[in-house]
Amino acid sequence: MRAVSKLIALIVSLPFILFAISFAISNRDAVAFRLWPFDAEVGMPLVLAVFVILLGGFVIGALASFIGAGRLRRRARTAEARVRELEIDLARERRKSEIAVEKAREEGAVAALEKADAAPAIAAE
């Protein structure tokens, strides 16, 4: 199953990789970037500018999803702690139940012996 998912991932990602390589080879011309209120100008190949922008978008998206999932991670930690507490309580109650059953068996055996002793013996004539 794992091999199949790797093969599917390769089949899906291969066209994107080929497109990126083709784009990088075709767009090596230098472009100038200026930010409006500043007079500074930065020159770099177009492919580098595009990949830097894509990488920046990826990082921003990853941070946004990480921050957004914080509440879910907190809920999961709280739920795990509660499950651990309940498992400890369950183990404690099972042990109490086992002790009670053992005690009842012992008392039942003692009661059966007492009953047998209390029964009148049939007199042999």
N, C-alpha and C. Protein backbone atom coordinates (compact mmCIF):
# COMPACT_ATOMS: atom_id res chain seq x y z
N MET A 1 0.83 -1.20 0.00
CA MET A 1 0.00 0.00 0.00
C MET A 1 0.87 1.25 0.00
N ARG A 2 1.96 1.20 0.77
CA ARG A 2 2.85 2.35 0.84
C ARG A 2 3.51 2.61 -0.51
N ALA A 3 3.87 1.54 -1.22
CA ALA A 3 4.49 1.68 -2.54
C ALA A 3 3.53 2.32 -3.53
N VAL A 4 2.26 1.97 -3.42
CA VAL A 4 1.25 2.54 -4.32
C VAL A 4 1.10 4.04 -4.07
N SER A 5 1.08 4.44 -2.80
CA SER A 5 0.93 5.87 -2.50
C SER A 5 2.16 6.65 -2.94
N LYS A 6 3.35 6.05 -2.85
CA LYS A 6 4.56 6.72 -3.35
C LYS A 6 4.50 6.87 -4.86
N LEU A 7 4.01 5.84 -5.53
CA LEU A 7 3.90 5.90 -6.99
C LEU A 7 2.90 6.98 -7.41
N ILE A 8 1.78 7.06 -6.73
CA ILE A 8 0.79 8.10 -7.04
C ILE A 8 1.36 9.48 -6.79
N ALA A 9 2.10 9.65 -5.69
CA ALA A 9 2.72 10.94 -5.40
C ALA A 9 3.72 11.32 -6.48
N LEU A 10 4.48 10.35 -6.96
CA LEU A 10 5.43 10.62 -8.03
C LEU A 10 4.72 11.01 -9.31
N ILE A 11 3.65 10.29 -9.64
CA ILE A 11 2.90 10.59 -10.87
C ILE A 11 2.28 11.99 -10.80
N VAL A 12 1.80 12.38 -9.63
CA VAL A 12 1.18 13.69 -9.49
C VAL A 12 2.23 14.80 -9.48
N SER A 13 3.36 14.58 -8.81
CA SER A 13 4.34 15.65 -8.67
C SER A 13 5.27 15.78 -9.87
N LEU A 14 5.43 14.75 -10.67
CA LEU A 14 6.33 14.81 -11.81
C LEU A 14 5.99 15.92 -12.81
N PRO A 15 4.73 16.13 -13.19
CA PRO A 15 4.43 17.25 -14.10
C PRO A 15 4.78 18.62 -13.49
N PHE A 16 4.58 18.78 -12.19
CA PHE A 16 4.94 20.05 -11.56
C PHE A 16 6.45 20.26 -11.56
N ILE A 17 7.19 19.20 -11.32
CA ILE A 17 8.65 19.30 -11.33
C ILE A 17 9.15 19.64 -12.74
N LEU A 18 8.60 18.97 -13.74
CA LEU A 18 8.99 19.26 -15.12
C LEU A 18 8.63 20.69 -15.51
N PHE A 19 7.47 21.16 -15.09
CA PHE A 19 7.08 22.55 -15.37
C PHE A 19 8.04 23.52 -14.69
N ALA A 20 8.43 23.26 -13.45
CA ALA A 20 9.35 24.15 -12.73
C ALA A 20 10.71 24.19 -13.40
N ILE A 21 11.20 23.04 -13.85
CA ILE A 21 12.50 23.00 -14.53
C ILE A 21 12.42 23.77 -15.86
N SER A 22 11.36 23.55 -16.61
CA SER A 22 11.17 24.25 -17.88
C SER A 22 11.07 25.76 -17.65
N PHE A 23 10.34 26.17 -16.63
CA PHE A 23 10.21 27.59 -16.30
C PHE A 23 11.56 28.18 -15.93
N ALA A 24 12.34 27.46 -15.12
CA ALA A 24 13.64 27.95 -14.69
C ALA A 24 14.59 28.11 -15.87
N ILE A 25 14.56 27.18 -16.81
CA ILE A 25 15.46 27.26 -17.97
C ILE A 25 15.04 28.39 -18.91
N SER A 26 13.75 28.61 -19.04
CA SER A 26 13.23 29.59 -20.00
C SER A 26 13.30 31.03 -19.49
N ASN A 27 13.33 31.25 -18.18
CA ASN A 27 13.23 32.61 -17.64
C ASN A 27 14.45 32.96 -16.79
N ARG A 28 15.58 33.09 -17.46
CA ARG A 28 16.80 33.44 -16.74
C ARG A 28 17.12 34.92 -16.87
N ASP A 29 16.29 35.69 -17.52
CA ASP A 29 16.55 37.12 -17.71
C ASP A 29 16.45 37.85 -16.38
N ALA A 30 17.28 38.88 -16.22
CA ALA A 30 17.27 39.67 -14.98
C ALA A 30 16.11 40.66 -15.02
N VAL A 31 15.48 40.82 -13.89
CA VAL A 31 14.40 41.80 -13.74
C VAL A 31 14.72 42.68 -12.54
N ALA A 32 14.20 43.89 -12.56
CA ALA A 32 14.45 44.84 -11.47
C ALA A 32 13.19 44.93 -10.62
N PHE A 33 13.36 44.86 -9.31
CA PHE A 33 12.25 44.99 -8.36
C PHE A 33 12.43 46.25 -7.55
N ARG A 34 11.35 47.03 -7.50
CA ARG A 34 11.34 48.26 -6.71
C ARG A 34 10.12 48.24 -5.81
N LEU A 35 10.28 48.78 -4.62
CA LEU A 35 9.16 48.91 -3.70
C LEU A 35 8.81 50.38 -3.66
N TRP A 36 7.57 50.72 -3.86
CA TRP A 36 7.10 52.06 -4.13
C TRP A 36 7.67 53.17 -3.25
N PRO A 37 7.56 53.13 -1.93
CA PRO A 37 8.03 54.33 -1.22
C PRO A 37 9.55 54.43 -1.16
N PHE A 38 10.25 53.39 -1.54
CA PHE A 38 11.71 53.41 -1.45
C PHE A 38 12.32 53.57 -2.83
N ASP A 39 13.55 54.06 -2.86
CA ASP A 39 14.23 54.25 -4.14
C ASP A 39 15.13 53.07 -4.49
N ALA A 40 15.28 52.12 -3.57
CA ALA A 40 16.18 50.99 -3.81
C ALA A 40 15.62 50.09 -4.91
N GLU A 41 16.54 49.51 -5.65
CA GLU A 41 16.16 48.59 -6.72
C GLU A 41 17.00 47.32 -6.59
N VAL A 42 16.33 46.18 -6.72
CA VAL A 42 17.01 44.89 -6.61
C VAL A 42 16.86 44.17 -7.94
N GLY A 43 17.99 43.72 -8.48
CA GLY A 43 17.94 42.98 -9.74
C GLY A 43 18.25 41.51 -9.48
N MET A 44 17.46 40.64 -10.08
CA MET A 44 17.68 39.19 -9.94
C MET A 44 17.01 38.49 -11.10
N PRO A 45 17.39 37.24 -11.35
CA PRO A 45 16.73 36.48 -12.41
C PRO A 45 15.24 36.28 -12.08
N LEU A 46 14.43 36.29 -13.09
CA LEU A 46 12.98 36.15 -12.90
C LEU A 46 12.63 34.85 -12.20
N VAL A 47 13.30 33.76 -12.54
CA VAL A 47 12.99 32.48 -11.93
C VAL A 47 13.27 32.52 -10.44
N LEU A 48 14.35 33.18 -10.03
CA LEU A 48 14.66 33.29 -8.60
C LEU A 48 13.59 34.11 -7.88
N ALA A 49 13.16 35.19 -8.50
CA ALA A 49 12.12 36.03 -7.90
C ALA A 49 10.82 35.24 -7.73
N VAL A 50 10.43 34.47 -8.73
CA VAL A 50 9.19 33.69 -8.65
C VAL A 50 9.30 32.63 -7.56
N PHE A 51 10.43 31.92 -7.52
CA PHE A 51 10.58 30.88 -6.50
C PHE A 51 10.64 31.45 -5.09
N VAL A 52 11.27 32.63 -4.94
CA VAL A 52 11.30 33.27 -3.62
C VAL A 52 9.89 33.67 -3.19
N ILE A 53 9.12 34.19 -4.12
CA ILE A 53 7.74 34.57 -3.81
C ILE A 53 6.90 33.34 -3.46
N LEU A 54 7.06 32.25 -4.22
CA LEU A 54 6.34 31.01 -3.91
C LEU A 54 6.75 30.45 -2.56
N LEU A 55 8.04 30.48 -2.25
CA LEU A 55 8.52 29.99 -0.97
C LEU A 55 7.96 30.85 0.17
N GLY A 56 7.94 32.17 -0.03
CA GLY A 56 7.37 33.06 0.99
C GLY A 56 5.89 32.76 1.22
N GLY A 57 5.15 32.52 0.15
CA GLY A 57 3.74 32.17 0.29
C GLY A 57 3.54 30.86 1.02
N PHE A 58 4.41 29.90 0.73
CA PHE A 58 4.33 28.61 1.42
C PHE A 58 4.58 28.79 2.92
N VAL A 59 5.61 29.55 3.26
CA VAL A 59 5.95 29.76 4.68
C VAL A 59 4.81 30.48 5.40
N ILE A 60 4.25 31.50 4.78
CA ILE A 60 3.13 32.23 5.39
C ILE A 60 1.93 31.32 5.58
N GLY A 61 1.62 30.50 4.57
CA GLY A 61 0.50 29.55 4.69
C GLY A 61 0.74 28.51 5.77
N ALA A 62 1.98 28.01 5.85
CA ALA A 62 2.29 27.01 6.88
C ALA A 62 2.16 27.61 8.28
N LEU A 63 2.64 28.83 8.46
CA LEU A 63 2.51 29.48 9.77
C LEU A 63 1.04 29.74 10.11
N ALA A 64 0.26 30.17 9.14
CA ALA A 64 -1.16 30.43 9.40
C ALA A 64 -1.89 29.15 9.79
N SER A 65 -1.60 28.05 9.11
CA SER A 65 -2.29 26.80 9.47
C SER A 65 -1.80 26.28 10.82
N PHE A 66 -0.51 26.46 11.13
CA PHE A 66 0.01 26.03 12.43
C PHE A 66 -0.64 26.82 13.56
N ILE A 67 -0.74 28.12 13.39
CA ILE A 67 -1.38 28.96 14.42
C ILE A 67 -2.87 28.63 14.52
N GLY A 68 -3.52 28.42 13.39
CA GLY A 68 -4.95 28.11 13.39
C GLY A 68 -5.27 26.77 14.04
N ALA A 69 -4.33 25.83 13.99
CA ALA A 69 -4.57 24.51 14.57
C ALA A 69 -4.20 24.45 16.05
N GLY A 70 -3.75 25.55 16.62
CA GLY A 70 -3.37 25.58 18.03
C GLY A 70 -4.50 25.18 18.96
N ARG A 71 -5.69 25.65 18.68
CA ARG A 71 -6.86 25.31 19.51
C ARG A 71 -7.15 23.81 19.46
N LEU A 72 -7.00 23.22 18.28
CA LEU A 72 -7.23 21.78 18.15
C LEU A 72 -6.17 20.98 18.89
N ARG A 73 -4.92 21.44 18.83
CA ARG A 73 -3.87 20.74 19.57
C ARG A 73 -4.12 20.82 21.07
N ARG A 74 -4.58 21.97 21.56
CA ARG A 74 -4.90 22.13 22.98
C ARG A 74 -6.04 21.21 23.38
N ARG A 75 -7.07 21.12 22.55
CA ARG A 75 -8.20 20.22 22.84
C ARG A 75 -7.74 18.77 22.87
N ALA A 76 -6.84 18.39 21.96
CA ALA A 76 -6.34 17.02 21.92
C ALA A 76 -5.54 16.71 23.18
N ARG A 77 -4.70 17.65 23.63
CA ARG A 77 -3.93 17.42 24.85
C ARG A 77 -4.85 17.27 26.05
N THR A 78 -5.88 18.11 26.14
CA THR A 78 -6.84 18.03 27.24
C THR A 78 -7.58 16.69 27.21
N ALA A 79 -7.99 16.27 26.03
CA ALA A 79 -8.70 14.99 25.90
C ALA A 79 -7.81 13.82 26.28
N GLU A 80 -6.54 13.86 25.88
CA GLU A 80 -5.62 12.78 26.24
C GLU A 80 -5.42 12.72 27.75
N ALA A 81 -5.31 13.88 28.40
CA ALA A 81 -5.15 13.89 29.85
C ALA A 81 -6.40 13.32 30.52
N ARG A 82 -7.56 13.67 30.01
CA ARG A 82 -8.82 13.16 30.58
C ARG A 82 -8.92 11.64 30.39
N VAL A 83 -8.51 11.15 29.23
CA VAL A 83 -8.53 9.70 28.98
C VAL A 83 -7.61 8.99 29.96
N ARG A 84 -6.41 9.55 30.19
CA ARG A 84 -5.50 8.93 31.16
C ARG A 84 -6.13 8.87 32.54
N GLU A 85 -6.79 9.97 32.97
CA GLU A 85 -7.46 9.99 34.28
C GLU A 85 -8.55 8.92 34.34
N LEU A 86 -9.35 8.82 33.30
CA LEU A 86 -10.43 7.84 33.28
C LEU A 86 -9.90 6.40 33.26
N GLU A 87 -8.78 6.17 32.56
CA GLU A 87 -8.19 4.84 32.56
C GLU A 87 -7.70 4.46 33.95
N ILE A 88 -7.11 5.42 34.66
CA ILE A 88 -6.66 5.16 36.03
C ILE A 88 -7.85 4.86 36.93
N ASP A 89 -8.92 5.65 36.79
CA ASP A 89 -10.13 5.41 37.58
C ASP A 89 -10.72 4.04 37.26
N LEU A 90 -10.75 3.68 36.00
CA LEU A 90 -11.28 2.38 35.59
C LEU A 90 -10.45 1.24 36.18
N ALA A 91 -9.14 1.37 36.13
CA ALA A 91 -8.28 0.33 36.71
C ALA A 91 -8.50 0.22 38.21
N ARG A 92 -8.65 1.35 38.87
CA ARG A 92 -8.92 1.35 40.32
C ARG A 92 -10.25 0.66 40.63
N GLU A 93 -11.30 0.96 39.86
CA GLU A 93 -12.61 0.35 40.08
C GLU A 93 -12.59 -1.15 39.77
N ARG A 94 -11.86 -1.54 38.72
CA ARG A 94 -11.74 -2.97 38.42
C ARG A 94 -11.06 -3.71 39.56
N ARG A 95 -10.02 -3.11 40.11
CA ARG A 95 -9.32 -3.74 41.22
C ARG A 95 -10.25 -3.86 42.44
N LYS A 96 -11.02 -2.80 42.71
CA LYS A 96 -11.98 -2.87 43.82
C LYS A 96 -13.00 -3.99 43.58
N SER A 97 -13.46 -4.11 42.34
CA SER A 97 -14.43 -5.14 42.00
C SER A 97 -13.83 -6.54 42.18
N GLU A 98 -12.58 -6.70 41.75
CA GLU A 98 -11.91 -8.00 41.92
C GLU A 98 -11.77 -8.35 43.39
N ILE A 99 -11.40 -7.37 44.20
CA ILE A 99 -11.26 -7.61 45.64
C ILE A 99 -12.61 -7.99 46.24
N ALA A 100 -13.67 -7.28 45.82
CA ALA A 100 -15.01 -7.57 46.34
C ALA A 100 -15.44 -8.98 45.93
N VAL A 101 -15.14 -9.39 44.71
CA VAL A 101 -15.51 -10.73 44.25
C VAL A 101 -14.75 -11.78 45.04
N GLU A 102 -13.45 -11.55 45.24
CA GLU A 102 -12.65 -12.50 46.03
C GLU A 102 -13.18 -12.60 47.45
N LYS A 103 -13.52 -11.46 48.02
CA LYS A 103 -14.06 -11.44 49.39
C LYS A 103 -15.39 -12.18 49.44
N ALA A 104 -16.25 -11.95 48.45
CA ALA A 104 -17.55 -12.63 48.42
C ALA A 104 -17.37 -14.14 48.26
N ARG A 105 -16.41 -14.54 47.46
CA ARG A 105 -16.16 -15.96 47.29
C ARG A 105 -15.69 -16.59 48.60
N GLU A 106 -14.79 -15.88 49.27
CA GLU A 106 -14.30 -16.39 50.55
C GLU A 106 -15.44 -16.48 51.56
N GLU A 107 -16.26 -15.40 51.61
CA GLU A 107 -17.39 -15.41 52.55
C GLU A 107 -18.40 -16.47 52.16
N GLY A 108 -18.59 -16.65 50.86
CA GLY A 108 -19.52 -17.68 50.38
C GLY A 108 -19.04 -19.06 50.75
N ALA A 109 -17.75 -19.28 50.64
CA ALA A 109 -17.20 -20.58 51.01
C ALA A 109 -17.33 -20.81 52.51
N VAL A 110 -17.07 -19.76 53.28
CA VAL A 110 -17.20 -19.86 54.74
C VAL A 110 -18.66 -20.09 55.11
N ALA A 111 -19.57 -19.37 54.45
CA ALA A 111 -20.99 -19.53 54.73
C ALA A 111 -21.44 -20.95 54.37
N ALA A 112 -20.94 -21.49 53.27
CA ALA A 112 -21.31 -22.85 52.88
C ALA A 112 -20.80 -23.86 53.91
N LEU A 113 -19.60 -23.65 54.44
CA LEU A 113 -19.06 -24.53 55.47
C LEU A 113 -19.88 -24.41 56.76
N GLU A 114 -20.25 -23.18 57.11
CA GLU A 114 -21.07 -22.97 58.31
C GLU A 114 -22.43 -23.63 58.14
N LYS A 115 -22.97 -23.53 56.94
CA LYS A 115 -24.27 -24.14 56.66
C LYS A 115 -24.17 -25.66 56.79
N ALA A 116 -23.10 -26.20 56.29
CA ALA A 116 -22.91 -27.64 56.37
C ALA A 116 -22.75 -28.08 57.82
N ASP A 117 -22.06 -27.29 58.64
CA ASP A 117 -21.90 -27.64 60.05
C ASP A 117 -23.21 -27.48 60.83
N ALA A 118 -24.02 -26.52 60.43
CA ALA A 118 -25.25 -26.25 61.15
C ALA A 118 -26.35 -27.25 60.80
N ALA A 119 -26.26 -27.92 59.71
CA ALA A 119 -27.29 -28.88 59.32
C ALA A 119 -27.27 -30.05 60.28
N PRO A 120 -28.44 -30.47 60.75
CA PRO A 120 -28.49 -31.59 61.70
C PRO A 120 -28.06 -32.89 61.02
N ALA A 121 -27.29 -33.59 61.73
CA ALA A 121 -26.81 -34.86 61.21
C ALA A 121 -27.94 -35.88 61.34
N ILE A 122 -28.09 -36.74 60.39
CA ILE A 122 -29.11 -37.78 60.44
C ILE A 122 -28.58 -38.86 61.38
N ALA A 123 -29.39 -39.14 62.36
CA ALA A 123 -28.95 -40.14 63.35
C ALA A 123 -29.10 -41.52 62.75
N ALA A 124 -28.10 -42.23 62.88
CA ALA A 124 -28.13 -43.60 62.37
C ALA A 124 -28.69 -44.49 63.45
N GLU A 125 -29.66 -45.26 63.14
CA GLU A 125 -30.27 -46.13 64.14
C GLU A 125 -29.91 -47.53 63.92
